[in-house]
Amino acid sequence: MAKKESDWKSILGNVVKEEVIGGVKSYAHNAVKITQKKIKRKVISFAMCLLGIVFLIFGGTYYLIDTLNYSRSSIYSVVGLILILVSIIIAQSAKLLKY
């Protein structure tokens, strides 16, 4: 009788341990995946922001060098501003992820 009781307790203990360990593993796996998403979004955001700054610099230099041709400088300036705004949006979405 005592042996069955100890078997029952050990079986239940093993089940509980496996459930807890499985839960911790899935939580850690989800945290790693979300951290990877955050890193990817931050890298993409930084690259887009850098590209936007380059376009703004091109727009400014074309505006200063070629005063008769405003279309090229305005196109570069608008594209640069759009890229910077999109990079800010992506960076904010990375902050909104959990963990």
C-alpha atoms as a PDB file:
ATOM      1  CA  MET A   1       0.000   0.000   0.000  1.00  0.00           C
ATOM      2  CA  ALA A   2       2.787   2.401   0.879  1.00  0.00           C
ATOM      3  CA  LYS A   3       4.562   1.518  -2.348  1.00  0.00           C
ATOM      4  CA  LYS A   4       1.548   2.467  -4.492  1.00  0.00           C
ATOM      5  CA  GLU A   5       1.259   5.758  -2.678  1.00  0.00           C
ATOM      6  CA  SER A   6       4.909   6.609  -3.299  1.00  0.00           C
ATOM      7  CA  ASP A   7       4.547   5.606  -6.960  1.00  0.00           C
ATOM      8  CA  TRP A   8       1.519   7.851  -7.305  1.00  0.00           C
ATOM      9  CA  LYS A   9       3.392  10.767  -5.756  1.00  0.00           C
ATOM     10  CA  SER A  10       6.461  10.227  -7.905  1.00  0.00           C
ATOM     11  CA  ILE A  11       4.369   9.968 -11.087  1.00  0.00           C
ATOM     12  CA  LEU A  12       2.472  13.141 -10.219  1.00  0.00           C
ATOM     13  CA  GLY A  13       5.721  14.891  -9.302  1.00  0.00           C
ATOM     14  CA  ASN A  14       7.299  13.953 -12.636  1.00  0.00           C
ATOM     15  CA  VAL A  15       4.245  15.174 -14.559  1.00  0.00           C
ATOM     16  CA  VAL A  16       4.284  18.487 -12.713  1.00  0.00           C
ATOM     17  CA  LYS A  17       8.022  18.893 -13.298  1.00  0.00           C
ATOM     18  CA  GLU A  18       7.630  18.192 -17.015  1.00  0.00           C
ATOM     19  CA  GLU A  19       4.758  20.674 -17.316  1.00  0.00           C
ATOM     20  CA  VAL A  20       6.701  23.396 -15.524  1.00  0.00           C
ATOM     21  CA  ILE A  21       9.859  22.757 -17.531  1.00  0.00           C
ATOM     22  CA  GLY A  22       7.843  22.701 -20.768  1.00  0.00           C
ATOM     23  CA  GLY A  23       6.178  25.985 -19.859  1.00  0.00           C
ATOM     24  CA  VAL A  24       9.499  27.611 -19.058  1.00  0.00           C
ATOM     25  CA  LYS A  25      11.000  26.334 -22.308  1.00  0.00           C
ATOM     26  CA  SER A  26       8.113  27.679 -24.400  1.00  0.00           C
ATOM     27  CA  TYR A  27       8.265  31.030 -22.583  1.00  0.00           C
ATOM     28  CA  ALA A  28      12.006  31.264 -23.210  1.00  0.00           C
ATOM     29  CA  HIS A  29      11.542  30.261 -26.852  1.00  0.00           C
ATOM     30  CA  ASN A  30       8.890  32.963 -27.341  1.00  0.00           C
ATOM     31  CA  ALA A  31      11.119  35.541 -25.648  1.00  0.00           C
ATOM     32  CA  VAL A  32      14.020  34.653 -27.947  1.00  0.00           C
ATOM     33  CA  LYS A  33      11.838  34.901 -31.056  1.00  0.00           C
ATOM     34  CA  ILE A  34      10.458  38.283 -30.017  1.00  0.00           C
ATOM     35  CA  THR A  35      13.950  39.545 -29.179  1.00  0.00           C
ATOM     36  CA  GLN A  36      15.108  38.486 -32.642  1.00  0.00           C
ATOM     37  CA  LYS A  37      12.173  40.370 -34.180  1.00  0.00           C
ATOM     38  CA  LYS A  38      13.081  43.453 -32.157  1.00  0.00           C
ATOM     39  CA  ILE A  39      16.697  43.303 -33.289  1.00  0.00           C
ATOM     40  CA  LYS A  40      15.683  42.873 -36.937  1.00  0.00           C
ATOM     41  CA  ARG A  41      13.277  45.805 -36.764  1.00  0.00           C
ATOM     42  CA  LYS A  42      15.851  48.021 -35.091  1.00  0.00           C
ATOM     43  CA  VAL A  43      18.492  47.176 -37.695  1.00  0.00           C
ATOM     44  CA  ILE A  44      16.054  47.830 -40.550  1.00  0.00           C
ATOM     45  CA  SER A  45      14.967  51.073 -38.895  1.00  0.00           C
ATOM     46  CA  PHE A  46      18.559  52.232 -38.475  1.00  0.00           C
ATOM     47  CA  ALA A  47      19.405  51.384 -42.095  1.00  0.00           C
ATOM     48  CA  MET A  48      16.341  53.221 -43.404  1.00  0.00           C
ATOM     49  CA  CYS A  49      17.084  56.248 -41.226  1.00  0.00           C
ATOM     50  CA  LEU A  50      20.664  56.312 -42.470  1.00  0.00           C
ATOM     51  CA  LEU A  51      19.474  56.053 -46.076  1.00  0.00           C
ATOM     52  CA  GLY A  52      16.978  58.861 -45.451  1.00  0.00           C
ATOM     53  CA  ILE A  53      19.741  61.074 -44.081  1.00  0.00           C
ATOM     54  CA  VAL A  54      21.854  60.324 -47.160  1.00  0.00           C
ATOM     55  CA  PHE A  55      18.940  61.308 -49.417  1.00  0.00           C
ATOM     56  CA  LEU A  56      18.463  64.534 -47.447  1.00  0.00           C
ATOM     57  CA  ILE A  57      22.164  65.320 -47.838  1.00  0.00           C
ATOM     58  CA  PHE A  58      21.941  64.664 -51.584  1.00  0.00           C
ATOM     59  CA  GLY A  59      18.877  66.890 -51.804  1.00  0.00           C
ATOM     60  CA  GLY A  60      20.644  69.667 -49.933  1.00  0.00           C
ATOM     61  CA  THR A  61      23.800  69.475 -52.031  1.00  0.00           C
ATOM     62  CA  TYR A  62      21.848  69.458 -55.288  1.00  0.00           C
ATOM     63  CA  TYR A  63      19.851  72.429 -54.017  1.00  0.00           C
ATOM     64  CA  LEU A  64      23.036  74.336 -53.230  1.00  0.00           C
ATOM     65  CA  ILE A  65      24.963  73.311 -56.348  1.00  0.00           C
ATOM     66  CA  ASP A  66      22.283  73.369 -59.027  1.00  0.00           C
ATOM     67  CA  THR A  67      19.919  76.206 -58.163  1.00  0.00           C
ATOM     68  CA  LEU A  68      18.170  76.055 -61.512  1.00  0.00           C
ATOM     69  CA  ASN A  69      17.087  72.423 -61.159  1.00  0.00           C
ATOM     70  CA  TYR A  70      14.805  72.274 -58.123  1.00  0.00           C
ATOM     71  CA  SER A  71      13.060  69.032 -59.045  1.00  0.00           C
ATOM     72  CA  ARG A  72      16.006  66.775 -58.253  1.00  0.00           C
ATOM     73  CA  SER A  73      16.633  68.341 -54.854  1.00  0.00           C
ATOM     74  CA  SER A  74      12.944  68.265 -53.916  1.00  0.00           C
ATOM     75  CA  ILE A  75      12.618  64.600 -54.906  1.00  0.00           C
ATOM     76  CA  TYR A  76      15.645  63.634 -52.799  1.00  0.00           C
ATOM     77  CA  SER A  77      14.363  65.689 -49.868  1.00  0.00           C
ATOM     78  CA  VAL A  78      10.882  64.145 -49.988  1.00  0.00           C
ATOM     79  CA  VAL A  79      12.258  60.605 -50.303  1.00  0.00           C
ATOM     80  CA  GLY A  80      14.647  61.249 -47.422  1.00  0.00           C
ATOM     81  CA  LEU A  81      11.861  62.532 -45.175  1.00  0.00           C
ATOM     82  CA  ILE A  82       9.627  59.573 -46.038  1.00  0.00           C
ATOM     83  CA  LEU A  83      12.424  57.100 -45.246  1.00  0.00           C
ATOM     84  CA  ILE A  84      13.140  58.769 -41.912  1.00  0.00           C
ATOM     85  CA  LEU A  85       9.444  58.765 -40.961  1.00  0.00           C
ATOM     86  CA  VAL A  86       9.062  55.087 -41.886  1.00  0.00           C
ATOM     87  CA  SER A  87      12.178  54.234 -39.869  1.00  0.00           C
ATOM     88  CA  ILE A  88      10.691  56.019 -36.840  1.00  0.00           C
ATOM     89  CA  ILE A  89       7.466  54.024 -37.219  1.00  0.00           C
ATOM     90  CA  ILE A  90       9.391  50.731 -37.430  1.00  0.00           C
ATOM     91  CA  ALA A  91      11.457  51.643 -34.363  1.00  0.00           C
ATOM     92  CA  GLN A  92       8.297  52.413 -32.392  1.00  0.00           C
ATOM     93  CA  SER A  93       6.718  49.107 -33.450  1.00  0.00           C
ATOM     94  CA  ALA A  94       9.822  47.308 -32.144  1.00  0.00           C
ATOM     95  CA  LYS A  95       9.300  48.980 -28.769  1.00  0.00           C
ATOM     96  CA  LEU A  96       5.682  47.819 -28.667  1.00  0.00           C
ATOM     97  CA  LEU A  97       6.623  44.126 -28.814  1.00  0.00           C
ATOM     98  CA  LYS A  98       6.415  42.289 -25.493  1.00  0.00           C
ATOM     99  CA  TYR A  99       9.338  41.018 -23.401  1.00  0.00           C
END
